[in-house]
N, C-alpha and C. Protein backbone atom coordinates (compact mmCIF):
# COMPACT_ATOMS: atom_id res chain seq x y z
N MET A 1 -44.15 44.69 16.47
CA MET A 1 -44.17 42.94 16.54
C MET A 1 -43.45 42.20 17.29
N HIS A 2 -43.50 41.54 17.82
CA HIS A 2 -42.92 40.53 19.16
C HIS A 2 -41.95 39.66 18.39
N THR A 3 -40.71 39.69 18.71
CA THR A 3 -39.73 38.56 18.55
C THR A 3 -39.92 37.00 18.65
N ARG A 4 -41.06 36.89 20.08
CA ARG A 4 -41.35 35.89 19.91
C ARG A 4 -41.68 35.23 18.73
N THR A 5 -42.37 35.65 18.15
CA THR A 5 -43.28 35.07 16.99
C THR A 5 -42.61 34.31 15.64
N PHE A 6 -40.91 34.99 15.72
CA PHE A 6 -40.35 34.27 14.76
C PHE A 6 -39.16 33.08 15.30
N ILE A 7 -39.28 32.97 16.63
CA ILE A 7 -38.72 31.89 17.38
C ILE A 7 -39.43 30.40 16.95
N PRO A 8 -38.60 29.75 16.37
CA PRO A 8 -39.86 28.09 16.11
C PRO A 8 -39.76 27.55 17.27
N THR A 9 -40.79 26.60 17.47
CA THR A 9 -41.32 26.07 18.65
C THR A 9 -40.24 24.75 19.21
N ASN A 10 -39.74 24.59 18.16
CA ASN A 10 -38.68 23.13 18.31
C ASN A 10 -37.29 23.86 18.24
N THR A 11 -36.84 24.38 19.13
CA THR A 11 -35.20 25.24 19.03
C THR A 11 -34.19 24.42 19.17
N LYS A 12 -34.06 23.36 19.50
CA LYS A 12 -33.04 22.29 19.63
C LYS A 12 -32.73 21.68 18.55
N PRO A 13 -31.35 21.60 18.59
CA PRO A 13 -30.89 21.01 17.33
C PRO A 13 -30.75 19.48 17.70
N LEU A 14 -31.05 18.28 17.04
CA LEU A 14 -30.77 16.84 17.05
C LEU A 14 -29.49 16.31 16.80
N HIS A 15 -28.28 16.44 17.50
CA HIS A 15 -26.85 16.53 17.36
C HIS A 15 -26.19 15.43 18.35
N GLN A 16 -25.02 14.94 17.43
CA GLN A 16 -23.91 13.99 18.26
C GLN A 16 -22.91 14.45 18.20
N SER A 17 -21.63 14.39 19.09
CA SER A 17 -20.25 14.51 18.86
C SER A 17 -19.54 13.25 18.25
N LEU A 18 -18.95 13.24 17.47
CA LEU A 18 -18.42 11.78 16.68
C LEU A 18 -16.57 12.51 17.02
N ASP A 19 -15.91 11.57 17.48
CA ASP A 19 -14.73 11.56 18.00
C ASP A 19 -13.94 11.40 16.85
N ASP A 20 -13.62 10.34 15.95
CA ASP A 20 -12.58 9.79 14.98
C ASP A 20 -13.54 9.70 13.67
N CYS A 21 -12.88 11.20 12.82
CA CYS A 21 -13.49 11.07 11.60
C CYS A 21 -12.61 11.70 10.84
N VAL A 22 -13.11 11.44 9.48
CA VAL A 22 -11.91 12.07 8.64
C VAL A 22 -12.85 12.70 7.49
N VAL A 23 -12.84 14.08 7.58
CA VAL A 23 -13.43 15.12 6.17
C VAL A 23 -12.67 15.53 4.88
N LEU A 24 -13.30 14.98 3.78
CA LEU A 24 -12.64 15.77 2.84
C LEU A 24 -13.77 17.11 2.21
N PHE A 25 -12.96 17.68 1.46
CA PHE A 25 -13.32 18.72 1.03
C PHE A 25 -13.13 18.60 -0.54
N LEU A 26 -13.83 18.57 -1.75
CA LEU A 26 -13.35 18.14 -3.14
C LEU A 26 -14.29 19.67 -3.62
N ASP A 27 -13.02 20.13 -4.67
CA ASP A 27 -13.65 21.24 -5.29
C ASP A 27 -13.17 20.99 -7.26
N MET A 28 -14.14 21.33 -7.76
CA MET A 28 -13.41 21.14 -9.20
C MET A 28 -13.07 22.73 -9.50
N ALA A 29 -11.84 22.38 -9.52
CA ALA A 29 -11.38 24.04 -9.34
C ALA A 29 -11.29 24.90 -10.75
N ASN A 30 -11.67 24.49 -11.49
CA ASN A 30 -11.91 25.16 -13.01
C ASN A 30 -13.05 24.82 -13.68
N PHE A 31 -14.20 24.61 -12.84
CA PHE A 31 -15.49 23.86 -13.48
C PHE A 31 -16.54 25.26 -14.31
N VAL A 32 -16.21 26.95 -13.48
CA VAL A 32 -17.14 27.36 -13.85
C VAL A 32 -16.03 27.82 -15.38
N GLU A 33 -14.93 28.24 -15.99
CA GLU A 33 -14.65 28.08 -16.98
C GLU A 33 -14.63 27.22 -18.12
N LEU A 34 -14.35 25.99 -17.29
CA LEU A 34 -14.71 24.88 -18.61
C LEU A 34 -16.29 24.79 -19.08
N THR A 35 -17.07 25.41 -18.19
CA THR A 35 -18.67 25.02 -18.63
C THR A 35 -19.22 26.28 -19.07
N ARG A 36 -18.52 27.48 -19.31
CA ARG A 36 -19.26 28.28 -19.53
C ARG A 36 -19.62 28.36 -20.92
N ASP A 37 -19.30 27.91 -21.82
CA ASP A 37 -19.98 27.43 -22.73
C ASP A 37 -20.92 26.56 -23.00
N PHE A 38 -21.03 25.45 -22.23
CA PHE A 38 -22.09 24.46 -22.13
C PHE A 38 -23.50 24.76 -21.91
N PRO A 39 -24.29 24.61 -22.50
CA PRO A 39 -25.97 24.70 -22.46
C PRO A 39 -26.06 24.26 -20.57
N ASP A 40 -27.22 24.82 -20.32
CA ASP A 40 -27.50 24.67 -18.89
C ASP A 40 -27.32 23.26 -18.19
N LYS A 41 -28.39 22.42 -19.11
CA LYS A 41 -28.73 21.36 -18.95
C LYS A 41 -27.15 20.25 -18.79
N ASP A 42 -26.29 20.72 -19.87
CA ASP A 42 -25.34 19.72 -20.02
C ASP A 42 -24.70 20.29 -18.58
N VAL A 43 -24.37 21.33 -18.12
CA VAL A 43 -23.72 21.40 -16.77
C VAL A 43 -24.23 20.58 -15.76
N VAL A 44 -25.49 20.08 -15.50
CA VAL A 44 -26.43 19.48 -14.89
C VAL A 44 -26.13 18.07 -14.97
N PHE A 45 -26.49 17.66 -16.45
CA PHE A 45 -25.95 16.22 -16.40
C PHE A 45 -24.21 16.13 -16.37
N ALA A 46 -23.48 16.91 -16.70
CA ALA A 46 -22.00 16.26 -16.29
C ALA A 46 -21.90 16.40 -14.43
N MET A 47 -22.69 17.31 -13.80
CA MET A 47 -22.49 17.01 -12.37
C MET A 47 -23.20 15.91 -11.90
N HIS A 48 -24.30 15.57 -12.39
CA HIS A 48 -24.84 14.22 -11.93
C HIS A 48 -23.97 13.52 -12.25
N TYR A 49 -23.63 12.81 -13.28
CA TYR A 49 -22.39 11.85 -14.10
C TYR A 49 -21.33 11.41 -12.79
N CYS A 50 -21.04 12.94 -12.36
CA CYS A 50 -19.58 13.05 -11.61
C CYS A 50 -20.01 12.94 -10.13
N PHE A 51 -20.88 13.38 -9.24
CA PHE A 51 -21.44 12.94 -8.08
C PHE A 51 -22.11 11.36 -7.97
N SER A 52 -22.39 10.84 -9.02
CA SER A 52 -23.23 9.65 -9.16
C SER A 52 -21.84 8.40 -9.27
N ALA A 53 -20.92 9.02 -9.81
CA ALA A 53 -19.33 8.40 -9.72
C ALA A 53 -18.67 8.61 -9.11
N PHE A 54 -19.53 9.03 -8.29
CA PHE A 54 -18.30 9.62 -6.56
C PHE A 54 -18.82 8.81 -5.85
N GLU A 55 -20.53 8.57 -5.51
CA GLU A 55 -20.89 7.99 -4.25
C GLU A 55 -20.81 6.71 -4.11
N PRO A 56 -20.58 5.65 -5.32
CA PRO A 56 -20.34 4.23 -4.70
C PRO A 56 -18.59 4.11 -4.02
N VAL A 57 -18.04 4.80 -4.77
CA VAL A 57 -16.41 4.82 -4.68
C VAL A 57 -16.14 5.32 -2.66
N ILE A 58 -17.27 6.51 -2.75
CA ILE A 58 -17.05 7.13 -1.07
C ILE A 58 -17.62 5.97 -0.04
N GLU A 59 -18.64 5.37 -0.44
CA GLU A 59 -19.92 4.05 0.17
C GLU A 59 -19.00 3.04 0.35
N SER A 60 -18.34 2.48 -0.66
CA SER A 60 -17.39 1.61 -0.54
C SER A 60 -16.30 1.74 0.46
N ALA A 61 -15.68 2.86 0.82
CA ALA A 61 -15.04 2.82 1.76
C ALA A 61 -15.76 3.56 3.25
N MET A 62 -17.42 3.34 3.35
CA MET A 62 -17.74 3.65 4.44
C MET A 62 -18.16 4.72 4.63
N GLY A 63 -18.01 5.56 3.78
CA GLY A 63 -18.18 7.50 3.87
C GLY A 63 -19.67 7.91 3.27
N LYS A 64 -19.43 8.82 3.57
CA LYS A 64 -21.31 9.44 2.80
C LYS A 64 -20.75 11.04 2.30
N ILE A 65 -21.50 11.20 1.56
CA ILE A 65 -21.49 12.47 0.88
C ILE A 65 -22.50 13.57 1.49
N ILE A 66 -21.92 14.14 2.26
CA ILE A 66 -22.79 14.93 3.08
C ILE A 66 -23.71 16.06 2.25
N LYS A 67 -23.01 16.65 1.72
CA LYS A 67 -23.78 18.13 0.62
C LYS A 67 -22.51 18.25 -0.17
N THR A 68 -23.55 18.99 -1.31
CA THR A 68 -22.91 19.48 -2.56
C THR A 68 -23.13 20.83 -2.54
N ASN A 69 -22.24 21.37 -3.11
CA ASN A 69 -22.82 22.90 -3.70
C ASN A 69 -22.15 23.10 -4.87
N ALA A 70 -22.85 23.40 -5.66
CA ALA A 70 -22.24 23.31 -7.61
C ALA A 70 -21.39 22.36 -7.57
N ASP A 71 -19.85 22.90 -8.06
CA ASP A 71 -18.89 21.92 -7.90
C ASP A 71 -18.01 21.58 -7.00
N GLN A 72 -18.66 22.01 -5.85
CA GLN A 72 -18.17 21.24 -4.53
C GLN A 72 -18.97 20.11 -3.74
N CYS A 73 -17.89 19.70 -2.78
CA CYS A 73 -18.44 18.18 -2.29
C CYS A 73 -17.83 17.76 -0.98
N LEU A 74 -18.74 17.85 0.25
CA LEU A 74 -18.34 17.41 1.68
C LEU A 74 -18.72 16.15 1.89
N VAL A 75 -17.56 15.38 2.21
CA VAL A 75 -17.34 14.05 2.54
C VAL A 75 -16.98 13.57 4.01
N LEU A 76 -17.91 12.72 4.64
CA LEU A 76 -17.52 12.70 5.73
C LEU A 76 -17.21 10.88 5.98
N PHE A 77 -16.08 10.27 6.70
CA PHE A 77 -15.76 9.07 7.26
C PHE A 77 -15.79 8.90 8.62
N ILE A 78 -16.51 8.14 9.23
CA ILE A 78 -16.57 7.95 10.34
C ILE A 78 -15.77 6.77 11.12
N GLN A 79 -15.02 6.88 12.01
CA GLN A 79 -14.05 5.65 12.59
C GLN A 79 -13.44 5.16 11.10
N PRO A 80 -12.77 5.76 10.11
CA PRO A 80 -12.38 5.28 8.91
C PRO A 80 -11.70 3.97 9.10
N ASP A 81 -11.45 3.25 8.14
CA ASP A 81 -10.09 1.96 7.94
C ASP A 81 -9.47 2.59 7.21
N LYS A 82 -7.77 2.13 7.89
CA LYS A 82 -7.20 2.96 7.46
C LYS A 82 -6.25 2.53 6.00
N ASP A 83 -7.07 1.40 5.73
CA ASP A 83 -6.58 0.42 4.17
C ASP A 83 -7.75 1.36 3.51
N ASP A 84 -8.54 1.86 3.82
CA ASP A 84 -9.57 2.49 2.77
C ASP A 84 -9.42 3.78 2.17
N ILE A 85 -9.26 4.53 2.92
CA ILE A 85 -9.31 5.93 2.67
C ILE A 85 -8.37 6.46 1.48
N TRP A 86 -7.15 6.11 1.67
CA TRP A 86 -6.10 6.52 0.32
C TRP A 86 -6.77 5.75 -0.96
N PRO A 87 -6.82 4.42 -1.31
CA PRO A 87 -7.51 4.47 -2.35
C PRO A 87 -9.08 4.75 -2.63
N CYS A 88 -9.51 5.42 -1.68
CA CYS A 88 -10.72 5.85 -2.34
C CYS A 88 -10.51 7.22 -2.41
N ILE A 89 -9.39 8.18 -2.05
CA ILE A 89 -9.15 9.36 -2.37
C ILE A 89 -8.72 9.14 -4.04
N ILE A 90 -7.69 8.33 -4.14
CA ILE A 90 -7.24 7.84 -5.76
C ILE A 90 -8.31 7.70 -6.53
N GLU A 91 -9.02 7.15 -6.55
CA GLU A 91 -10.53 6.67 -7.33
C GLU A 91 -11.39 7.36 -7.65
N LEU A 92 -11.18 8.70 -6.79
CA LEU A 92 -12.25 9.70 -6.75
C LEU A 92 -11.41 10.64 -7.75
N PHE A 93 -10.21 10.73 -7.84
CA PHE A 93 -9.81 11.45 -8.69
C PHE A 93 -9.84 10.90 -9.90
N ARG A 94 -9.47 9.48 -10.01
CA ARG A 94 -9.56 8.99 -11.33
C ARG A 94 -11.19 8.70 -12.38
N GLN A 95 -12.12 8.70 -11.09
CA GLN A 95 -13.36 8.91 -11.59
C GLN A 95 -13.52 10.37 -12.38
N PHE A 96 -12.90 11.54 -11.36
CA PHE A 96 -13.30 12.67 -11.90
C PHE A 96 -12.52 12.98 -13.59
N TYR A 97 -10.96 12.35 -13.47
CA TYR A 97 -10.56 12.59 -14.78
C TYR A 97 -11.23 11.69 -15.78
N SER A 98 -11.64 10.84 -15.64
CA SER A 98 -12.28 9.83 -16.75
C SER A 98 -13.61 10.75 -17.45
N ILE A 99 -14.62 11.48 -16.44
CA ILE A 99 -15.36 12.25 -16.87
C ILE A 99 -15.02 13.40 -17.61
N CYS A 100 -14.00 14.14 -17.12
CA CYS A 100 -13.37 15.26 -18.08
C CYS A 100 -12.96 14.58 -19.53
N HIS A 101 -12.27 13.65 -19.31
CA HIS A 101 -12.10 12.66 -20.92
C HIS A 101 -13.18 12.61 -21.58
N TYR A 102 -14.37 11.99 -20.99
CA TYR A 102 -15.22 11.58 -21.92
C TYR A 102 -16.21 13.42 -22.55
N TYR A 103 -15.98 14.34 -21.46
CA TYR A 103 -16.85 15.71 -21.98
C TYR A 103 -15.35 16.12 -22.66
N GLY A 104 -14.16 15.79 -22.60
CA GLY A 104 -13.03 16.81 -23.62
C GLY A 104 -13.11 17.96 -22.84
N VAL A 105 -12.64 18.00 -21.56
CA VAL A 105 -11.90 19.19 -20.94
C VAL A 105 -10.93 18.66 -20.20
N GLU A 106 -10.18 19.83 -19.67
CA GLU A 106 -9.13 19.67 -18.89
C GLU A 106 -9.66 20.07 -17.07
N GLY A 107 -10.57 19.38 -16.62
CA GLY A 107 -10.60 19.46 -15.57
C GLY A 107 -9.59 19.22 -14.35
N GLN A 108 -9.53 20.03 -13.44
CA GLN A 108 -8.83 19.94 -12.39
C GLN A 108 -9.28 19.62 -10.87
N LEU A 109 -9.11 18.94 -10.21
CA LEU A 109 -9.75 18.43 -8.83
C LEU A 109 -8.62 18.87 -7.54
N ARG A 110 -9.28 19.33 -6.52
CA ARG A 110 -8.58 19.79 -5.36
C ARG A 110 -9.08 19.33 -4.41
N CYS A 111 -8.19 18.77 -3.09
CA CYS A 111 -8.78 17.84 -2.35
C CYS A 111 -8.38 18.56 -0.98
N GLY A 112 -8.91 18.88 0.26
CA GLY A 112 -8.44 18.90 1.67
C GLY A 112 -9.16 17.86 2.60
N ALA A 113 -8.30 17.11 3.39
CA ALA A 113 -8.38 16.43 4.40
C ALA A 113 -7.78 16.58 5.55
N HIS A 114 -8.75 16.46 6.43
CA HIS A 114 -8.44 16.25 8.00
C HIS A 114 -8.85 15.40 8.66
N ARG A 115 -8.59 15.06 9.91
CA ARG A 115 -9.15 13.99 10.66
C ARG A 115 -8.95 14.60 12.21
N GLY A 116 -10.29 14.33 12.90
CA GLY A 116 -10.46 14.82 14.23
C GLY A 116 -11.52 14.60 14.30
N SER A 117 -12.04 15.42 15.15
CA SER A 117 -13.77 15.17 15.92
C SER A 117 -14.39 16.15 15.34
N LEU A 118 -16.00 15.83 15.20
CA LEU A 118 -16.65 17.20 15.10
C LEU A 118 -17.98 16.73 15.65
N VAL A 119 -18.98 17.68 15.16
CA VAL A 119 -20.76 17.69 15.52
C VAL A 119 -21.44 17.13 14.21
N ALA A 120 -22.34 16.35 14.40
CA ALA A 120 -23.08 16.01 13.40
C ALA A 120 -24.66 15.57 13.81
N GLY A 121 -25.39 16.18 12.83
CA GLY A 121 -26.78 16.13 13.39
C GLY A 121 -27.69 17.01 12.32
N TYR A 122 -29.17 17.19 12.70
CA TYR A 122 -29.95 18.04 12.09
C TYR A 122 -30.17 18.99 12.87
N ILE A 123 -30.38 20.46 11.89
CA ILE A 123 -30.67 21.54 12.10
C ILE A 123 -31.73 22.01 11.53
N GLY A 124 -32.69 23.20 11.97
CA GLY A 124 -34.01 23.60 11.36
C GLY A 124 -35.01 22.69 11.95
N SER A 125 -36.56 23.29 12.06
CA SER A 125 -37.79 23.11 12.55
C SER A 125 -38.43 22.61 11.68
N ASN A 126 -39.09 23.42 11.05
CA ASN A 126 -40.12 23.16 10.16
C ASN A 126 -39.88 22.04 8.98
N ARG A 127 -38.17 22.09 8.38
CA ARG A 127 -37.78 21.79 7.35
C ARG A 127 -36.41 21.21 7.97
N ARG A 128 -35.86 20.12 8.62
CA ARG A 128 -35.04 19.86 8.91
C ARG A 128 -33.38 19.36 7.74
N TYR A 129 -32.45 19.59 8.18
CA TYR A 129 -31.42 19.18 7.46
C TYR A 129 -30.48 18.50 8.03
N PHE A 130 -29.63 17.42 7.71
CA PHE A 130 -28.22 16.97 8.27
C PHE A 130 -26.95 17.96 7.62
N ASP A 131 -26.35 18.05 8.73
CA ASP A 131 -25.08 18.39 8.25
C ASP A 131 -23.62 18.18 9.27
N ILE A 132 -22.94 18.28 8.92
CA ILE A 132 -21.41 18.66 9.91
C ILE A 132 -21.14 19.64 10.36
N TRP A 133 -20.35 20.03 11.57
CA TRP A 133 -19.63 21.41 11.63
C TRP A 133 -18.46 21.07 12.70
N GLY A 134 -17.83 22.17 12.69
CA GLY A 134 -16.74 22.02 13.98
C GLY A 134 -15.15 22.56 13.22
N LYS A 135 -14.22 22.32 13.93
CA LYS A 135 -13.13 22.90 13.46
C LYS A 135 -12.54 21.87 12.65
N THR A 136 -12.83 20.89 12.70
CA THR A 136 -12.36 19.67 11.68
C THR A 136 -13.00 20.13 10.30
N VAL A 137 -14.64 20.40 9.97
CA VAL A 137 -14.69 20.76 8.79
C VAL A 137 -14.20 21.68 8.24
N ASN A 138 -13.93 22.83 9.56
CA ASN A 138 -13.83 24.21 8.87
C ASN A 138 -11.96 23.78 8.06
N MET A 139 -11.22 22.99 8.99
CA MET A 139 -9.72 22.94 8.50
C MET A 139 -9.77 21.98 6.97
N ALA A 140 -10.51 21.01 7.07
CA ALA A 140 -10.60 20.32 5.80
C ALA A 140 -10.89 21.34 4.49
N SER A 141 -12.01 22.38 4.53
CA SER A 141 -11.90 23.06 3.70
C SER A 141 -11.13 24.26 3.63
N ARG A 142 -10.53 24.78 4.67
CA ARG A 142 -8.96 25.72 4.64
C ARG A 142 -8.39 25.06 3.82
N LEU A 143 -7.97 23.58 3.99
CA LEU A 143 -6.57 22.90 3.27
C LEU A 143 -7.13 22.42 2.14
N GLU A 144 -8.69 22.57 1.51
CA GLU A 144 -8.85 22.63 0.02
C GLU A 144 -8.49 23.89 -0.42
N ARG A 145 -8.73 24.90 -0.02
CA ARG A 145 -8.38 26.22 -0.67
C ARG A 145 -7.24 26.50 -1.03
N HIS A 146 -6.21 25.94 0.27
CA HIS A 146 -4.58 26.14 -0.24
C HIS A 146 -4.11 24.70 -0.87
N ALA A 147 -4.81 23.84 -1.30
CA ALA A 147 -4.32 22.86 -2.34
C ALA A 147 -4.15 23.31 -3.76
N LYS A 148 -2.97 22.82 -4.13
CA LYS A 148 -2.38 22.82 -5.94
C LYS A 148 -3.66 22.43 -6.70
N ARG A 149 -4.32 22.40 -7.89
CA ARG A 149 -4.52 22.03 -8.37
C ARG A 149 -4.21 20.91 -8.52
N ASP A 150 -5.24 19.63 -8.96
CA ASP A 150 -4.58 18.19 -9.23
C ASP A 150 -3.97 17.62 -8.12
N SER A 151 -4.15 18.06 -6.89
CA SER A 151 -3.50 17.62 -5.53
C SER A 151 -4.49 17.55 -4.53
N ILE A 152 -4.06 16.84 -3.36
CA ILE A 152 -4.55 16.87 -2.15
C ILE A 152 -3.52 17.51 -1.16
N SER A 153 -4.50 18.55 -0.18
CA SER A 153 -3.60 19.34 1.09
C SER A 153 -3.86 18.46 2.35
N MET A 154 -3.08 18.01 3.07
CA MET A 154 -3.35 17.23 4.08
C MET A 154 -3.05 17.87 5.17
N SER A 155 -3.73 17.69 6.55
CA SER A 155 -3.22 18.04 7.88
C SER A 155 -2.22 16.78 8.09
N GLU A 156 -1.50 17.65 9.29
CA GLU A 156 -0.64 16.45 9.67
C GLU A 156 -1.14 14.97 10.43
N THR A 157 -2.32 15.40 10.91
CA THR A 157 -3.05 14.44 11.56
C THR A 157 -3.81 13.29 10.25
N PHE A 158 -4.23 13.85 10.01
CA PHE A 158 -4.68 12.98 8.09
C PHE A 158 -3.32 12.17 7.84
N PHE A 159 -2.51 12.74 7.45
CA PHE A 159 -1.14 12.34 6.52
C PHE A 159 -0.69 11.33 7.30
N SER A 160 -0.43 11.41 8.55
CA SER A 160 0.44 10.64 9.90
C SER A 160 -0.16 9.19 9.70
N GLU A 161 -1.63 9.34 9.59
CA GLU A 161 -2.30 7.94 9.60
C GLU A 161 -2.93 7.58 8.43
N PHE A 162 -2.90 8.57 7.41
CA PHE A 162 -3.43 7.91 6.07
C PHE A 162 -3.00 8.12 5.18
N CYS A 163 -1.68 8.65 4.70
CA CYS A 163 -1.06 8.82 3.62
C CYS A 163 -0.14 7.92 3.40
N PRO A 164 -0.05 6.94 2.66
CA PRO A 164 1.24 6.07 2.54
C PRO A 164 2.19 6.69 2.09
N HIS A 165 2.01 7.67 1.51
CA HIS A 165 3.83 8.30 1.14
C HIS A 165 4.61 8.66 2.41
N GLN A 166 4.74 8.18 3.05
CA GLN A 166 5.42 9.10 4.37
C GLN A 166 6.59 9.68 3.82
N SER A 167 7.29 9.54 2.67
CA SER A 167 8.64 10.49 2.23
C SER A 167 8.04 11.65 1.89
N LEU A 168 6.76 11.95 1.69
CA LEU A 168 6.40 13.49 1.65
C LEU A 168 7.07 14.57 2.92
N ILE A 169 7.34 15.54 2.24
CA ILE A 169 7.71 16.52 3.33
C ILE A 169 6.51 17.12 4.39
N LEU A 170 6.22 17.46 5.30
CA LEU A 170 5.24 18.41 6.21
C LEU A 170 6.09 19.73 5.76
N SER A 171 5.46 20.71 5.55
CA SER A 171 5.90 21.98 5.71
C SER A 171 4.94 22.75 6.44
N ALA A 172 5.74 24.09 6.79
CA ALA A 172 4.71 24.96 7.51
C ALA A 172 3.59 26.01 6.75
N GLN A 173 2.46 25.99 6.56
CA GLN A 173 1.74 26.59 5.44
C GLN A 173 1.00 27.48 6.80
N HIS A 174 0.85 28.70 5.79
CA HIS A 174 -0.15 29.58 6.76
C HIS A 174 -1.77 29.23 6.40
N LEU A 175 -2.43 29.03 6.92
CA LEU A 175 -3.96 28.96 6.60
C LEU A 175 -4.73 30.00 7.58
N LYS A 176 -5.81 30.73 6.46
CA LYS A 176 -6.56 31.32 6.88
C LYS A 176 -7.20 31.04 8.57
N SER A 177 -7.26 31.74 9.17
CA SER A 177 -8.03 31.68 10.73
C SER A 177 -7.31 30.25 11.50
N TYR A 178 -6.11 29.85 11.26
CA TYR A 178 -5.60 28.93 12.01
C TYR A 178 -3.89 29.24 11.82
N GLY A 179 -3.34 30.15 11.26
CA GLY A 179 -1.96 30.57 11.59
C GLY A 179 -1.13 29.52 10.91
N GLN A 180 0.31 29.21 11.22
CA GLN A 180 0.94 28.52 10.90
C GLN A 180 0.79 27.01 11.10
N LEU A 181 0.47 25.90 10.10
CA LEU A 181 0.32 24.86 10.31
C LEU A 181 1.15 23.65 9.57
N ARG A 182 1.44 22.43 9.90
CA ARG A 182 2.40 21.66 9.12
C ARG A 182 1.47 20.99 8.69
N THR A 183 1.58 21.10 7.29
CA THR A 183 0.70 19.97 6.20
C THR A 183 1.60 19.48 4.97
N ALA A 184 0.51 18.48 4.12
CA ALA A 184 1.56 17.69 3.03
C ALA A 184 0.75 18.17 1.68
N GLN A 185 1.29 17.86 0.69
CA GLN A 185 0.40 17.96 -0.45
C GLN A 185 1.28 16.94 -1.50
N TYR A 186 0.18 15.86 -1.90
CA TYR A 186 0.44 14.95 -2.68
C TYR A 186 -0.26 15.43 -4.13
N ASP A 187 0.67 15.30 -5.26
CA ASP A 187 0.12 15.78 -6.73
C ASP A 187 -0.74 14.33 -7.52
N PHE A 188 -1.90 14.59 -8.03
CA PHE A 188 -2.56 13.17 -8.77
C PHE A 188 -2.60 13.51 -10.22
N ALA A 189 -2.05 14.85 -10.59
CA ALA A 189 -2.27 14.72 -12.14
C ALA A 189 -1.66 13.78 -12.76
N HIS A 190 -0.74 12.89 -12.18
CA HIS A 190 -0.55 12.03 -13.25
C HIS A 190 -1.60 11.02 -13.50
N LEU A 191 -2.62 10.74 -12.87
CA LEU A 191 -3.58 9.87 -13.17
C LEU A 191 -4.26 10.53 -14.40
N ARG A 192 -4.30 11.28 -14.68
CA ARG A 192 -4.98 12.24 -15.63
C ARG A 192 -4.80 11.31 -17.15
N TYR A 193 -3.63 10.77 -17.14
CA TYR A 193 -3.54 10.23 -18.54
C TYR A 193 -3.31 8.65 -18.44
N HIS A 194 -3.91 8.19 -17.12
CA HIS A 194 -4.08 6.32 -17.33
C HIS A 194 -5.59 6.01 -17.31
């Protein structure tokens, strides 16, 4: 059999480079443990309520949920307004804690945030889907994994532009595939009880 038969007729992705973006990775850190005893239908409803609560908050800051993967969420802001991003992040944590309170669970959210350039567009031939790629996306993902529960881990480029808590200390952290980078963390656990 020839390899050629497996190559789709439309082999070029539709994409464009975007220069000034903020990418957030959100992860419900202990979701699996919390929902282990829930019926599957209840887990689906919980996720539906959570992402339905996130959408208007993100869209009010001119952002978009690019994709979800079970208890994770990838968010993109193109040419973000400096005054919109931090209030948006605070409200995402508030909404999450509100839903956890409703379900009577101690859910924990982690976030990674990075600012930079990326590529956005559609891939696939028969069934095309939208996604984002590049170092900015990868960095936000690494930062999310590095974040403590109930906190955001920020790159220096995000921190210097969007974090109002400039008294936070940037410290060198080792991030997989990136080595030592200056990052900052901010804890949102205090919002859990408000």
